[in-house]
Amino acid sequence: MKIVIPEPLSTASVLSSNVAYPSVSDPAVWNSATAYKIGDVCRIDYIIYEALKANTNINPSTDTGDNWQEAGLVSKFALIDRYIGSKSIATAEENGVWKIECQVDFGDAVIDTLGLFGLDGKTLTVRQYDRTTNEMVREIVMDLQDESRVSDYSSYFFGPFYFKNDVVLPMALYRSKVTIILEKSGSPSKIGAVAAGKSFHLGVTQTDPECGINDYSKRENTLSGYAYLKKGRTARRQRINVTCPSSDQDMVTKLMTQAAGMAVIYITAGFFESNIIYGFCRSFGFYYSNNDTSYFSLDVESLI
């Protein structure tokens, strides 16, 4: 069981990107004369704001939080904001292939893990460059289509087809910059979030982890009283029991305290998509300890 606490990134970290700014998916620039309703969005520079109340001539960038809240960054930089739901969306199309190509500088931080989340694409290419010499150190090319369920001609040609949405790669990125390329045919490719940091070993995952989803759909009623389901988003979740040496109990507690209130990467076992969550810890606690071994539980949920 590992966690990866991501290093902070800013728009300056994105050295280049072929995603247009502004793009067709970006909201209009805030206008002091516009009467905004609840839920309306606008942008100032690279930041997107959502109206919490109906308002006019209240600048979102100077608002105290009563009328506006930040809702991510524009499409070009959405991959480095803290929302998976806001995505960098390809604007470059050639011969039917939509491609996002961007380069991110991760600074001087000690990094050994790179995570890419909320992907919508067919082919992922990651190239690592030495920042000083600009020499390519490593290249990884991945087919995101999961063909594990292809067993005959019918499933090969007609599906159903599944694609990986989350990828975590062990990569030493000290003083490195990384080019990320995501390609897809037919419709724009998308990247939800890029996160990279140093991994910390918490302990050994026990054999009974519970993996599933939380469904945020809601039952609502029409004025006539008819019930219907308003579809909401889903979030992946895991409930995990972990063992560690009792001498590590303080270290584990400090790491989980450091990760509180942050989006971090949880790796239950290996780098399978079902064992990876980019999100937050709902609860954590030790429930049994002796002189040699301690046992603790985690309840984690992905960002939507």
Protein backbone atom coordinates (compact mmCIF):
# COMPACT_ATOMS: atom_id res chain seq x y z
CA MET A 1 0.00 0.00 0.00
CA LYS A 2 1.45 3.32 -1.12
CA ILE A 3 0.37 6.92 -1.26
CA VAL A 4 1.78 9.59 -3.54
CA ILE A 5 1.51 13.19 -2.36
CA PRO A 6 1.57 15.31 -5.54
CA GLU A 7 3.82 18.31 -5.93
CA PRO A 8 1.98 21.59 -6.63
CA LEU A 9 1.78 22.67 -10.27
CA SER A 10 0.88 26.04 -11.76
CA THR A 11 0.16 27.38 -15.22
CA ALA A 12 3.90 28.20 -15.43
CA SER A 13 4.59 24.47 -15.11
CA VAL A 14 2.94 23.91 -18.52
CA LEU A 15 5.78 24.80 -20.88
CA SER A 16 3.80 24.20 -24.04
CA SER A 17 0.42 22.87 -25.17
CA ASN A 18 -1.37 22.50 -28.49
CA VAL A 19 -4.74 23.06 -26.78
CA ALA A 20 -6.03 26.41 -27.97
CA TYR A 21 -6.63 29.32 -25.59
CA PRO A 22 -9.32 30.32 -25.50
CA SER A 23 -10.98 27.15 -26.79
CA VAL A 24 -14.59 26.50 -27.72
CA SER A 25 -15.08 24.70 -24.40
CA ASP A 26 -13.99 27.73 -22.33
CA PRO A 27 -16.65 30.09 -20.95
CA ALA A 28 -16.84 33.72 -21.95
CA VAL A 29 -14.78 36.40 -20.20
CA TRP A 30 -16.49 37.97 -17.17
CA ASN A 31 -18.49 41.05 -18.10
CA SER A 32 -19.46 43.64 -15.51
CA ALA A 33 -22.72 44.37 -17.36
CA THR A 34 -23.92 40.76 -17.51
CA ALA A 35 -26.62 39.58 -15.08
CA TYR A 36 -25.32 36.19 -13.95
CA LYS A 37 -27.62 33.49 -12.62
CA ILE A 38 -26.80 30.71 -10.17
CA GLY A 39 -24.59 28.17 -11.92
CA ASP A 40 -23.41 30.51 -14.68
CA VAL A 41 -19.68 30.37 -15.43
CA CYS A 42 -17.19 32.89 -16.71
CA ARG A 43 -13.41 33.28 -16.83
CA ILE A 44 -10.85 35.84 -15.82
CA ASP A 45 -7.42 35.12 -17.27
CA TYR A 46 -7.02 31.33 -16.93
CA ILE A 47 -9.39 30.82 -13.97
CA ILE A 48 -13.03 29.73 -14.38
CA TYR A 49 -15.60 30.92 -11.84
CA GLU A 50 -19.11 29.64 -11.10
CA ALA A 51 -21.86 31.88 -9.74
CA LEU A 52 -23.20 30.90 -6.31
CA LYS A 53 -25.82 33.65 -6.39
CA ALA A 54 -27.46 35.83 -9.00
CA ASN A 55 -25.24 38.90 -9.30
CA THR A 56 -24.15 41.75 -11.54
CA ASN A 57 -20.90 43.73 -11.50
CA ILE A 58 -19.26 41.63 -8.75
CA ASN A 59 -15.76 40.74 -9.90
CA PRO A 60 -15.11 37.02 -9.23
CA SER A 61 -11.36 37.53 -8.73
CA THR A 62 -11.95 39.95 -5.81
CA ASP A 63 -15.13 38.36 -4.43
CA THR A 64 -14.90 37.03 -0.88
CA GLY A 65 -16.59 33.75 -1.83
CA ASP A 66 -20.18 34.81 -1.22
CA ASN A 67 -21.10 35.17 -4.90
CA TRP A 68 -18.49 33.22 -6.86
CA GLN A 69 -16.35 30.13 -6.44
CA GLU A 70 -13.40 28.89 -8.48
CA ALA A 71 -14.34 26.00 -10.79
CA GLY A 72 -11.00 25.03 -12.31
CA LEU A 73 -8.84 26.36 -15.10
CA VAL A 74 -9.46 26.88 -18.80
CA SER A 75 -9.09 23.86 -21.07
CA LYS A 76 -5.42 24.50 -21.89
CA PHE A 77 -4.45 24.23 -18.21
CA ALA A 78 -7.28 22.08 -16.83
CA LEU A 79 -5.00 19.06 -16.56
CA ILE A 80 -3.05 20.72 -13.73
CA ASP A 81 -5.96 22.09 -11.69
CA ARG A 82 -7.37 20.05 -8.79
CA TYR A 83 -10.49 18.86 -10.59
CA ILE A 84 -10.76 15.64 -12.60
CA GLY A 85 -14.13 16.78 -13.94
CA SER A 86 -12.56 19.79 -15.68
CA LYS A 87 -10.62 18.47 -18.64
CA SER A 88 -8.08 19.60 -21.17
CA ILE A 89 -9.85 18.91 -24.46
CA ALA A 90 -8.06 18.48 -27.78
CA THR A 91 -8.54 21.27 -30.31
CA ALA A 92 -6.06 19.93 -32.88
CA GLU A 93 -7.39 17.39 -35.40
CA GLU A 94 -5.52 15.90 -38.35
CA ASN A 95 -6.84 13.16 -40.63
CA GLY A 96 -9.54 12.30 -38.13
CA VAL A 97 -7.13 11.97 -35.17
CA TRP A 98 -7.53 14.36 -32.24
CA LYS A 99 -4.32 14.95 -30.31
CA ILE A 100 -3.35 16.67 -27.09
CA GLU A 101 0.37 17.36 -26.83
CA CYS A 102 1.73 19.27 -23.88
CA GLN A 103 4.97 19.53 -21.93
CA VAL A 104 5.09 19.88 -18.14
CA ASP A 105 8.08 20.86 -16.00
CA PHE A 106 8.04 19.25 -12.54
CA GLY A 107 10.76 21.47 -11.10
CA ASP A 108 13.40 20.28 -8.66
CA ALA A 109 11.13 18.14 -6.50
CA VAL A 110 12.04 14.50 -5.86
CA ILE A 111 9.42 12.58 -7.85
CA ASP A 112 9.17 8.85 -8.50
CA THR A 113 5.54 8.48 -9.66
CA LEU A 114 3.52 10.11 -12.44
CA GLY A 115 -0.28 9.82 -12.55
CA LEU A 116 -2.65 10.66 -15.42
CA PHE A 117 -6.37 10.63 -14.60
CA GLY A 118 -9.67 11.09 -16.36
CA LEU A 119 -8.17 10.08 -19.70
CA ASP A 120 -10.33 9.77 -22.80
CA GLY A 121 -8.08 8.50 -25.56
CA LYS A 122 -6.72 5.50 -27.44
CA THR A 123 -2.93 5.95 -27.43
CA LEU A 124 -0.84 7.55 -24.68
CA THR A 125 2.78 8.57 -25.16
CA VAL A 126 4.94 9.88 -22.31
CA ARG A 127 8.43 11.22 -23.06
CA GLN A 128 10.84 12.25 -20.33
CA TYR A 129 13.52 14.85 -21.08
CA ASP A 130 16.52 16.06 -19.13
CA ARG A 131 15.79 19.70 -18.41
CA THR A 132 19.40 20.81 -18.89
CA THR A 133 20.42 18.93 -22.04
CA ASN A 134 16.92 18.53 -23.53
CA GLU A 135 17.87 14.92 -24.25
CA MET A 136 15.05 12.36 -24.23
CA VAL A 137 15.69 9.96 -21.36
CA ARG A 138 12.70 7.65 -21.67
CA GLU A 139 9.65 7.03 -23.82
CA ILE A 140 6.55 5.03 -22.90
CA VAL A 141 3.83 4.27 -25.42
CA MET A 142 0.60 2.70 -24.20
CA ASP A 143 -2.49 1.39 -25.97
CA LEU A 144 -5.27 2.37 -23.57
CA GLN A 145 -7.77 -0.09 -25.04
CA ASP A 146 -8.29 -3.03 -22.69
CA GLU A 147 -8.38 -6.18 -24.82
CA SER A 148 -8.45 -8.63 -21.93
CA ARG A 149 -12.10 -9.47 -22.67
CA VAL A 150 -11.56 -10.11 -26.39
CA SER A 151 -12.13 -13.84 -26.76
CA ASP A 152 -13.58 -14.29 -30.27
CA TYR A 153 -14.25 -12.51 -33.58
CA SER A 154 -17.51 -11.04 -32.32
CA SER A 155 -15.92 -9.33 -29.30
CA TYR A 156 -12.94 -8.25 -31.43
CA PHE A 157 -15.07 -6.42 -34.00
CA PHE A 158 -18.16 -5.44 -32.01
CA GLY A 159 -16.99 -5.09 -28.42
CA PRO A 160 -17.90 -4.00 -25.88
CA PHE A 161 -14.72 -1.93 -25.88
CA TYR A 162 -13.15 -0.67 -22.66
CA PHE A 163 -10.42 1.94 -22.27
CA LYS A 164 -8.20 2.81 -19.34
CA ASN A 165 -9.06 6.15 -17.80
CA ASP A 166 -6.36 6.28 -15.11
CA VAL A 167 -2.66 5.46 -15.54
CA VAL A 168 0.09 5.57 -12.92
CA LEU A 169 3.72 5.18 -14.00
CA PRO A 170 6.82 4.71 -11.83
CA MET A 171 9.11 7.45 -13.17
CA ALA A 172 12.04 9.30 -11.57
CA LEU A 173 11.39 12.88 -12.68
CA TYR A 174 14.00 14.88 -10.77
CA ARG A 175 14.86 17.98 -12.85
CA SER A 176 12.87 16.62 -15.73
CA LYS A 177 10.22 17.81 -18.11
CA VAL A 178 7.65 15.46 -19.57
CA THR A 179 5.83 15.56 -22.89
CA ILE A 180 2.38 13.96 -22.74
CA ILE A 181 0.63 12.99 -25.98
CA LEU A 182 -2.91 11.57 -26.02
CA GLU A 183 -4.53 10.60 -29.31
CA LYS A 184 -7.98 9.41 -30.32
CA SER A 185 -9.93 8.99 -33.55
CA GLY A 186 -13.41 10.31 -34.15
CA SER A 187 -13.80 12.72 -31.22
CA PRO A 188 -11.54 14.97 -29.12
CA SER A 189 -9.17 13.30 -26.66
CA LYS A 190 -9.29 14.56 -23.07
CA ILE A 191 -7.06 14.67 -19.97
CA GLY A 192 -8.61 15.24 -16.55
CA ALA A 193 -5.60 15.58 -14.27
CA VAL A 194 -1.82 15.19 -14.14
CA ALA A 195 -0.26 14.56 -10.73
CA ALA A 196 3.28 13.60 -9.78
CA GLY A 197 5.10 13.18 -6.50
CA LYS A 198 7.11 10.95 -4.22
CA SER A 199 5.56 7.67 -3.13
CA PHE A 200 5.50 6.49 0.50
CA HIS A 201 5.06 2.87 1.55
CA LEU A 202 2.42 2.59 4.27
CA GLY A 203 2.24 -1.16 4.71
CA VAL A 204 0.94 -4.40 3.23
CA THR A 205 -2.61 -4.51 1.88
CA GLN A 206 -4.62 -7.37 3.35
CA THR A 207 -6.42 -9.89 1.14
CA ASP A 208 -9.91 -8.43 1.62
CA PRO A 209 -9.96 -4.91 0.07
CA GLU A 210 -13.43 -3.70 -0.89
CA CYS A 211 -13.57 -1.87 -4.23
CA GLY A 212 -16.66 -0.26 -5.73
CA ILE A 213 -18.36 3.00 -6.62
CA ASN A 214 -20.46 5.64 -4.91
CA ASP A 215 -23.38 6.74 -7.09
CA TYR A 216 -24.41 10.37 -6.64
CA SER A 217 -27.60 10.09 -8.67
CA LYS A 218 -30.67 11.44 -6.86
CA ARG A 219 -34.31 10.49 -6.71
CA GLU A 220 -36.49 13.49 -7.51
CA ASN A 221 -40.20 14.08 -8.07
CA THR A 222 -42.18 15.95 -10.68
CA LEU A 223 -44.82 18.47 -9.61
CA SER A 224 -47.37 15.69 -10.18
CA GLY A 225 -45.54 13.45 -7.75
CA TYR A 226 -43.95 11.06 -10.25
CA ALA A 227 -40.57 9.83 -9.09
CA TYR A 228 -37.59 9.70 -11.42
CA LEU A 229 -33.83 9.31 -11.10
CA LYS A 230 -31.66 12.30 -11.90
CA LYS A 231 -28.37 10.85 -13.08
CA GLY A 232 -25.33 11.99 -11.15
CA ARG A 233 -21.64 11.29 -11.31
CA THR A 234 -19.97 8.26 -9.76
CA ALA A 235 -16.82 8.08 -7.66
CA ARG A 236 -14.67 5.02 -7.18
CA ARG A 237 -14.06 3.97 -3.59
CA GLN A 238 -11.98 1.48 -1.62
CA ARG A 239 -12.08 0.22 1.93
CA ILE A 240 -8.72 -1.27 2.78
CA ASN A 241 -7.15 -3.03 5.75
CA VAL A 242 -3.36 -2.68 5.98
CA THR A 243 -0.63 -4.07 8.24
CA CYS A 244 2.62 -2.34 9.09
CA PRO A 245 5.41 -2.78 11.65
CA SER A 246 4.35 -1.23 14.94
CA SER A 247 7.50 0.90 14.80
CA ASP A 248 5.99 2.62 11.70
CA GLN A 249 2.72 3.60 13.38
CA ASP A 250 3.76 7.19 14.09
CA MET A 251 5.18 7.62 10.57
CA VAL A 252 1.96 6.34 8.96
CA THR A 253 -0.16 8.63 11.13
CA LYS A 254 1.98 11.65 10.20
CA LEU A 255 1.77 10.86 6.49
CA MET A 256 -2.01 10.47 6.62
CA THR A 257 -2.27 13.73 8.56
CA GLN A 258 -0.14 15.45 5.90
CA ALA A 259 -2.43 14.05 3.18
CA ALA A 260 -5.62 15.22 4.90
CA GLY A 261 -7.61 17.67 2.80
CA MET A 262 -5.49 16.95 -0.27
CA ALA A 263 -6.01 15.00 -3.48
CA VAL A 264 -3.41 12.23 -3.35
CA ILE A 265 -2.77 9.00 -5.23
CA TYR A 266 -3.61 5.78 -3.37
CA ILE A 267 -2.07 2.58 -4.77
CA THR A 268 -3.53 -0.50 -3.12
CA ALA A 269 -1.44 -3.15 -4.91
CA GLY A 270 0.45 -2.95 -8.19
CA PHE A 271 -0.50 -0.44 -10.86
CA PHE A 272 -3.82 -1.90 -12.02
CA GLU A 273 -6.45 0.76 -12.68
CA SER A 274 -8.90 -0.79 -10.20
CA ASN A 275 -6.26 -0.53 -7.46
CA ILE A 276 -5.52 3.16 -8.04
CA ILE A 277 -7.53 6.08 -6.69
CA TYR A 278 -6.76 9.77 -7.09
CA GLY A 279 -8.80 11.30 -4.33
CA PHE A 280 -9.09 11.72 -0.59
CA CYS A 281 -9.30 9.68 2.57
CA ARG A 282 -12.69 9.72 4.30
CA SER A 283 -11.46 7.89 7.38
CA PHE A 284 -8.26 6.39 8.75
CA GLY A 285 -7.43 4.67 12.00
CA PHE A 286 -5.50 1.91 13.74
CA TYR A 287 -7.74 -0.78 15.17
CA TYR A 288 -5.24 -3.27 16.62
CA SER A 289 -1.57 -3.21 17.59
CA ASN A 290 0.93 -5.42 19.37
CA ASN A 291 4.66 -5.20 19.88
CA ASP A 292 5.44 -6.30 16.32
CA THR A 293 2.51 -5.54 13.99
CA SER A 294 -0.14 -2.85 13.73
CA TYR A 295 -3.35 -2.92 11.71
CA PHE A 296 -5.14 0.09 10.27
CA SER A 297 -8.03 0.76 7.90
CA LEU A 298 -8.53 3.33 5.14
CA ASP A 299 -11.71 4.45 3.41
CA VAL A 300 -10.79 6.39 0.26
CA GLU A 301 -12.85 7.93 -2.53
CA SER A 302 -11.86 9.29 -5.91
CA LEU A 303 -12.49 12.82 -7.06
CA ILE A 304 -15.42 12.98 -9.48
